[in-house]
Amino acid sequence: MTVRFNTKIRFNGREYASAEEMPASVREAYTRAVGETAVLRAGARLAGKLNAKVIVNDKEFSSPGELPVAERRLLQDALAALLPNNLALSADEARKTRRRKIVLTSIAVALGAAVVYLWLHGFFG
């Protein structure tokens, strides 16, 4: 069995190799559209959202839903192995993750500044 991944994004009738290839206005509309999907926790969730042609053993299927159960499971397992478990597909989830990182970084900087301040004023020595 041969497994090949050929990913292209088709948006508003045009094909792009990646989101970075899209013009800014198209990328913004694409991001809003993708932001409506749930967070990816397994290959099964992504496979269900795919609008892709799948070729297995030289047989062509127009979507993953048309695959026989064994082949669909193989596709789901392959997607789960290729992609990290915490991959966020929604723009909202990406914003939450970014906000969390900013808050944690701010706390770390504040603690570092407090330690330096106390050290300079003789608290530690």
N, C-alpha and C. Protein backbone atom coordinates (compact mmCIF):
# COMPACT_ATOMS: atom_id res chain seq x y z
N MET A 1 0.85 -1.18 0.00
CA MET A 1 0.00 0.00 0.00
C MET A 1 0.89 1.24 0.00
N THR A 2 0.56 2.17 -0.84
CA THR A 2 1.31 3.42 -0.94
C THR A 2 0.45 4.54 -0.40
N VAL A 3 1.03 5.35 0.50
CA VAL A 3 0.31 6.49 1.05
C VAL A 3 1.03 7.76 0.61
N ARG A 4 0.30 8.65 -0.08
CA ARG A 4 0.86 9.91 -0.54
C ARG A 4 -0.03 11.04 -0.04
N PHE A 5 0.58 12.10 0.47
CA PHE A 5 -0.16 13.27 0.90
C PHE A 5 0.15 14.41 -0.06
N ASN A 6 -0.87 14.92 -0.70
CA ASN A 6 -0.73 16.05 -1.59
C ASN A 6 -1.76 17.08 -1.14
N THR A 7 -1.33 18.01 -0.32
CA THR A 7 -2.25 18.96 0.29
C THR A 7 -2.26 20.27 -0.48
N LYS A 8 -3.45 20.69 -0.86
CA LYS A 8 -3.64 22.00 -1.47
C LYS A 8 -4.87 22.61 -0.83
N ILE A 9 -4.84 23.92 -0.73
CA ILE A 9 -6.00 24.63 -0.18
C ILE A 9 -6.75 25.25 -1.34
N ARG A 10 -8.00 24.90 -1.46
CA ARG A 10 -8.84 25.51 -2.49
C ARG A 10 -9.80 26.44 -1.79
N PHE A 11 -9.71 27.73 -2.11
CA PHE A 11 -10.54 28.74 -1.47
C PHE A 11 -11.06 29.68 -2.53
N ASN A 12 -12.37 29.83 -2.58
CA ASN A 12 -13.02 30.69 -3.59
C ASN A 12 -12.57 30.36 -5.01
N GLY A 13 -12.44 29.07 -5.30
CA GLY A 13 -12.13 28.63 -6.66
C GLY A 13 -10.67 28.67 -7.05
N ARG A 14 -9.79 29.14 -6.20
CA ARG A 14 -8.36 29.18 -6.51
C ARG A 14 -7.62 28.22 -5.60
N GLU A 15 -6.53 27.63 -6.10
CA GLU A 15 -5.74 26.69 -5.32
C GLU A 15 -4.46 27.36 -4.83
N TYR A 16 -4.13 27.05 -3.58
CA TYR A 16 -2.90 27.56 -2.96
C TYR A 16 -2.18 26.38 -2.31
N ALA A 17 -0.86 26.40 -2.34
CA ALA A 17 -0.08 25.34 -1.70
C ALA A 17 -0.12 25.48 -0.18
N SER A 18 -0.28 26.70 0.32
CA SER A 18 -0.36 26.94 1.76
C SER A 18 -1.07 28.26 2.00
N ALA A 19 -1.43 28.51 3.26
CA ALA A 19 -2.10 29.77 3.60
C ALA A 19 -1.16 30.96 3.41
N GLU A 20 0.15 30.75 3.57
CA GLU A 20 1.11 31.82 3.39
C GLU A 20 1.16 32.32 1.95
N GLU A 21 0.76 31.48 1.00
CA GLU A 21 0.77 31.84 -0.40
C GLU A 21 -0.39 32.76 -0.79
N MET A 22 -1.40 32.84 0.07
CA MET A 22 -2.61 33.63 -0.23
C MET A 22 -2.35 35.12 -0.05
N PRO A 23 -3.03 35.96 -0.84
CA PRO A 23 -2.99 37.40 -0.58
C PRO A 23 -3.60 37.69 0.80
N ALA A 24 -3.26 38.81 1.38
CA ALA A 24 -3.67 39.12 2.75
C ALA A 24 -5.19 39.09 2.93
N SER A 25 -5.93 39.67 2.00
CA SER A 25 -7.40 39.70 2.16
C SER A 25 -8.00 38.30 2.07
N VAL A 26 -7.46 37.47 1.18
CA VAL A 26 -7.94 36.09 1.05
C VAL A 26 -7.57 35.29 2.28
N ARG A 27 -6.33 35.49 2.79
CA ARG A 27 -5.89 34.77 3.98
C ARG A 27 -6.77 35.11 5.18
N GLU A 28 -7.16 36.38 5.29
CA GLU A 28 -8.04 36.79 6.40
C GLU A 28 -9.39 36.09 6.32
N ALA A 29 -9.98 36.03 5.13
CA ALA A 29 -11.26 35.34 4.95
C ALA A 29 -11.10 33.85 5.21
N TYR A 30 -10.00 33.28 4.75
CA TYR A 30 -9.72 31.85 4.99
C TYR A 30 -9.57 31.57 6.48
N THR A 31 -8.86 32.43 7.20
CA THR A 31 -8.67 32.26 8.63
C THR A 31 -10.00 32.32 9.37
N ARG A 32 -10.88 33.23 8.95
CA ARG A 32 -12.21 33.30 9.58
C ARG A 32 -12.99 32.03 9.31
N ALA A 33 -12.91 31.50 8.10
CA ALA A 33 -13.63 30.28 7.75
C ALA A 33 -13.09 29.08 8.52
N VAL A 34 -11.77 28.98 8.63
CA VAL A 34 -11.17 27.87 9.37
C VAL A 34 -11.41 28.03 10.86
N GLY A 35 -11.53 29.27 11.34
CA GLY A 35 -11.76 29.53 12.76
C GLY A 35 -13.07 28.98 13.27
N GLU A 36 -13.98 28.62 12.38
CA GLU A 36 -15.25 28.06 12.81
C GLU A 36 -15.15 26.58 13.13
N THR A 37 -14.03 25.94 12.80
CA THR A 37 -13.89 24.51 13.07
C THR A 37 -13.38 24.29 14.48
N ALA A 38 -13.54 23.09 14.96
CA ALA A 38 -13.15 22.74 16.33
C ALA A 38 -11.65 22.53 16.43
N VAL A 39 -11.16 22.44 17.64
CA VAL A 39 -9.76 22.18 17.89
C VAL A 39 -9.46 20.72 17.54
N LEU A 40 -8.35 20.48 16.87
CA LEU A 40 -7.97 19.14 16.47
C LEU A 40 -7.40 18.39 17.66
N ARG A 41 -7.98 17.28 18.02
CA ARG A 41 -7.46 16.42 19.07
C ARG A 41 -7.07 15.06 18.53
N ALA A 42 -7.50 14.72 17.33
CA ALA A 42 -7.15 13.44 16.73
C ALA A 42 -7.27 13.55 15.23
N GLY A 43 -6.65 12.59 14.53
CA GLY A 43 -6.74 12.58 13.08
C GLY A 43 -8.17 12.40 12.59
N ALA A 44 -9.00 11.77 13.41
CA ALA A 44 -10.39 11.54 13.01
C ALA A 44 -11.14 12.86 12.84
N ARG A 45 -10.90 13.82 13.73
CA ARG A 45 -11.58 15.11 13.61
C ARG A 45 -11.15 15.85 12.35
N LEU A 46 -9.86 15.79 12.04
CA LEU A 46 -9.39 16.46 10.84
C LEU A 46 -9.89 15.75 9.59
N ALA A 47 -9.83 14.43 9.58
CA ALA A 47 -10.27 13.67 8.41
C ALA A 47 -11.74 13.96 8.11
N GLY A 48 -12.55 14.15 9.13
CA GLY A 48 -13.95 14.47 8.93
C GLY A 48 -14.17 15.84 8.32
N LYS A 49 -13.23 16.75 8.51
CA LYS A 49 -13.35 18.12 7.99
C LYS A 49 -12.73 18.28 6.61
N LEU A 50 -11.96 17.29 6.17
CA LEU A 50 -11.26 17.42 4.90
C LEU A 50 -12.22 17.43 3.72
N ASN A 51 -11.92 18.28 2.78
CA ASN A 51 -12.62 18.29 1.51
C ASN A 51 -11.54 17.98 0.48
N ALA A 52 -11.14 16.70 0.45
CA ALA A 52 -9.98 16.33 -0.34
C ALA A 52 -10.22 15.03 -1.08
N LYS A 53 -9.54 14.90 -2.19
CA LYS A 53 -9.55 13.66 -2.94
C LYS A 53 -8.55 12.73 -2.28
N VAL A 54 -8.96 11.48 -2.04
CA VAL A 54 -8.09 10.51 -1.38
C VAL A 54 -7.89 9.35 -2.34
N ILE A 55 -6.65 8.94 -2.54
CA ILE A 55 -6.34 7.81 -3.42
C ILE A 55 -5.70 6.73 -2.57
N VAL A 56 -6.34 5.55 -2.55
CA VAL A 56 -5.83 4.41 -1.79
C VAL A 56 -5.78 3.21 -2.74
N ASN A 57 -4.58 2.62 -2.89
CA ASN A 57 -4.40 1.47 -3.78
C ASN A 57 -4.96 1.75 -5.17
N ASP A 58 -4.65 2.92 -5.69
CA ASP A 58 -5.06 3.36 -7.03
C ASP A 58 -6.57 3.52 -7.19
N LYS A 59 -7.32 3.51 -6.10
CA LYS A 59 -8.75 3.81 -6.15
C LYS A 59 -8.94 5.22 -5.63
N GLU A 60 -9.73 6.01 -6.34
CA GLU A 60 -9.92 7.40 -5.98
C GLU A 60 -11.26 7.59 -5.27
N PHE A 61 -11.21 8.33 -4.15
CA PHE A 61 -12.41 8.65 -3.38
C PHE A 61 -12.49 10.17 -3.29
N SER A 62 -13.69 10.71 -3.43
CA SER A 62 -13.82 12.17 -3.45
C SER A 62 -13.75 12.79 -2.06
N SER A 63 -13.91 11.99 -1.00
CA SER A 63 -13.78 12.50 0.36
C SER A 63 -13.41 11.34 1.29
N PRO A 64 -12.85 11.64 2.46
CA PRO A 64 -12.52 10.58 3.40
C PRO A 64 -13.74 9.78 3.86
N GLY A 65 -14.91 10.39 3.83
CA GLY A 65 -16.11 9.69 4.25
C GLY A 65 -16.48 8.53 3.35
N GLU A 66 -16.00 8.54 2.11
CA GLU A 66 -16.30 7.46 1.17
C GLU A 66 -15.37 6.26 1.33
N LEU A 67 -14.29 6.42 2.10
CA LEU A 67 -13.33 5.33 2.28
C LEU A 67 -13.96 4.17 3.04
N PRO A 68 -13.54 2.94 2.73
CA PRO A 68 -13.94 1.81 3.58
C PRO A 68 -13.38 2.02 4.99
N VAL A 69 -13.96 1.37 5.97
CA VAL A 69 -13.62 1.60 7.38
C VAL A 69 -12.13 1.40 7.65
N ALA A 70 -11.54 0.34 7.14
CA ALA A 70 -10.12 0.06 7.42
C ALA A 70 -9.22 1.16 6.85
N GLU A 71 -9.50 1.58 5.63
CA GLU A 71 -8.69 2.64 5.01
C GLU A 71 -8.91 3.98 5.68
N ARG A 72 -10.15 4.26 6.10
CA ARG A 72 -10.44 5.51 6.80
C ARG A 72 -9.67 5.55 8.12
N ARG A 73 -9.63 4.42 8.82
CA ARG A 73 -8.89 4.34 10.09
C ARG A 73 -7.39 4.57 9.84
N LEU A 74 -6.88 4.01 8.75
CA LEU A 74 -5.47 4.21 8.40
C LEU A 74 -5.18 5.69 8.14
N LEU A 75 -6.07 6.36 7.41
CA LEU A 75 -5.92 7.79 7.15
C LEU A 75 -5.95 8.58 8.46
N GLN A 76 -6.89 8.26 9.33
CA GLN A 76 -7.00 8.96 10.62
C GLN A 76 -5.75 8.76 11.45
N ASP A 77 -5.23 7.53 11.49
CA ASP A 77 -4.01 7.25 12.25
C ASP A 77 -2.81 7.99 11.66
N ALA A 78 -2.74 8.04 10.34
CA ALA A 78 -1.62 8.76 9.69
C ALA A 78 -1.68 10.24 9.99
N LEU A 79 -2.87 10.83 9.93
CA LEU A 79 -3.02 12.25 10.25
C LEU A 79 -2.68 12.53 11.71
N ALA A 80 -3.11 11.64 12.60
CA ALA A 80 -2.80 11.82 14.03
C ALA A 80 -1.30 11.73 14.28
N ALA A 81 -0.61 10.84 13.54
CA ALA A 81 0.83 10.70 13.71
C ALA A 81 1.59 11.89 13.13
N LEU A 82 1.08 12.48 12.05
CA LEU A 82 1.76 13.60 11.40
C LEU A 82 1.58 14.92 12.14
N LEU A 83 0.44 15.09 12.79
CA LEU A 83 0.11 16.38 13.40
C LEU A 83 0.14 16.29 14.91
N PRO A 84 0.59 17.34 15.59
CA PRO A 84 0.61 17.32 17.06
C PRO A 84 -0.81 17.29 17.62
N ASN A 85 -0.95 16.70 18.81
CA ASN A 85 -2.27 16.56 19.43
C ASN A 85 -2.89 17.90 19.80
N ASN A 86 -2.09 18.90 20.06
CA ASN A 86 -2.63 20.18 20.52
C ASN A 86 -2.75 21.20 19.39
N LEU A 87 -2.78 20.74 18.14
CA LEU A 87 -2.90 21.65 17.02
C LEU A 87 -4.24 22.36 17.06
N ALA A 88 -4.19 23.67 17.02
CA ALA A 88 -5.43 24.46 17.07
C ALA A 88 -5.82 24.85 15.66
N LEU A 89 -7.04 24.50 15.28
CA LEU A 89 -7.53 24.88 13.97
C LEU A 89 -8.34 26.16 14.03
N SER A 90 -8.81 26.52 15.19
CA SER A 90 -9.66 27.70 15.27
C SER A 90 -8.83 28.92 15.63
N ALA A 91 -9.21 30.05 15.05
CA ALA A 91 -8.51 31.31 15.34
C ALA A 91 -8.70 31.68 16.80
N ASP A 92 -9.86 31.36 17.37
CA ASP A 92 -10.14 31.67 18.76
C ASP A 92 -9.18 30.91 19.68
N GLU A 93 -8.93 29.64 19.39
CA GLU A 93 -8.01 28.85 20.20
C GLU A 93 -6.59 29.40 20.10
N ALA A 94 -6.20 29.83 18.91
CA ALA A 94 -4.86 30.41 18.74
C ALA A 94 -4.72 31.70 19.55
N ARG A 95 -5.78 32.52 19.59
CA ARG A 95 -5.75 33.76 20.39
C ARG A 95 -5.61 33.42 21.87
N LYS A 96 -6.34 32.42 22.33
CA LYS A 96 -6.26 32.04 23.75
C LYS A 96 -4.85 31.57 24.10
N THR A 97 -4.25 30.77 23.21
CA THR A 97 -2.90 30.27 23.46
C THR A 97 -1.91 31.43 23.49
N ARG A 98 -2.03 32.36 22.56
CA ARG A 98 -1.14 33.52 22.51
C ARG A 98 -1.30 34.37 23.77
N ARG A 99 -2.54 34.58 24.21
CA ARG A 99 -2.80 35.38 25.41
C ARG A 99 -2.18 34.70 26.64
N ARG A 100 -2.32 33.38 26.72
CA ARG A 100 -1.76 32.63 27.84
C ARG A 100 -0.24 32.78 27.88
N LYS A 101 0.41 32.72 26.72
CA LYS A 101 1.87 32.88 26.65
C LYS A 101 2.28 34.28 27.09
N ILE A 102 1.53 35.28 26.67
CA ILE A 102 1.85 36.66 27.05
C ILE A 102 1.73 36.86 28.55
N VAL A 103 0.67 36.31 29.15
CA VAL A 103 0.47 36.44 30.59
C VAL A 103 1.60 35.76 31.35
N LEU A 104 1.95 34.54 30.95
CA LEU A 104 3.04 33.82 31.63
C LEU A 104 4.38 34.53 31.47
N THR A 105 4.64 35.07 30.30
CA THR A 105 5.88 35.81 30.08
C THR A 105 5.91 37.07 30.94
N SER A 106 4.79 37.77 31.05
CA SER A 106 4.72 38.98 31.88
C SER A 106 4.97 38.65 33.35
N ILE A 107 4.40 37.56 33.82
CA ILE A 107 4.63 37.15 35.21
C ILE A 107 6.10 36.83 35.44
N ALA A 108 6.72 36.11 34.50
CA ALA A 108 8.14 35.77 34.64
C ALA A 108 9.02 37.01 34.65
N VAL A 109 8.73 37.98 33.79
CA VAL A 109 9.50 39.23 33.75
C VAL A 109 9.31 40.01 35.05
N ALA A 110 8.09 40.06 35.55
CA ALA A 110 7.83 40.78 36.80
C ALA A 110 8.57 40.14 37.98
N LEU A 111 8.55 38.82 38.05
CA LEU A 111 9.28 38.13 39.11
C LEU A 111 10.78 38.37 39.00
N GLY A 112 11.30 38.34 37.77
CA GLY A 112 12.73 38.61 37.57
C GLY A 112 13.09 40.02 37.99
N ALA A 113 12.24 40.97 37.64
CA ALA A 113 12.49 42.36 38.03
C ALA A 113 12.45 42.52 39.55
N ALA A 114 11.52 41.84 40.21
CA ALA A 114 11.42 41.91 41.67
C ALA A 114 12.67 41.35 42.33
N VAL A 115 13.18 40.23 41.81
CA VAL A 115 14.39 39.63 42.38
C VAL A 115 15.58 40.57 42.20
N VAL A 116 15.73 41.15 41.03
CA VAL A 116 16.84 42.09 40.79
C VAL A 116 16.70 43.31 41.70
N TYR A 117 15.51 43.83 41.86
CA TYR A 117 15.29 44.99 42.73
C TYR A 117 15.69 44.66 44.18
N LEU A 118 15.21 43.51 44.67
CA LEU A 118 15.54 43.13 46.04
C LEU A 118 17.03 42.86 46.20
N TRP A 119 17.67 42.27 45.22
CA TRP A 119 19.10 42.00 45.28
C TRP A 119 19.90 43.30 45.32
N LEU A 120 19.51 44.28 44.49
CA LEU A 120 20.20 45.56 44.47
C LEU A 120 20.03 46.35 45.76
N HIS A 121 18.94 46.11 46.48
CA HIS A 121 18.68 46.82 47.74
C HIS A 121 19.12 46.01 48.95
N GLY A 122 19.96 44.99 48.73
CA GLY A 122 20.59 44.28 49.82
C GLY A 122 19.74 43.22 50.51
N PHE A 123 18.64 42.82 49.95
CA PHE A 123 17.78 41.82 50.60
C PHE A 123 18.43 40.45 50.62
N PHE A 124 19.22 40.12 49.60
CA PHE A 124 19.82 38.78 49.51
C PHE A 124 21.27 38.76 49.98
N GLY A 125 21.77 39.77 50.50
CA GLY A 125 23.16 39.64 50.88
C GLY A 125 23.64 40.75 51.66
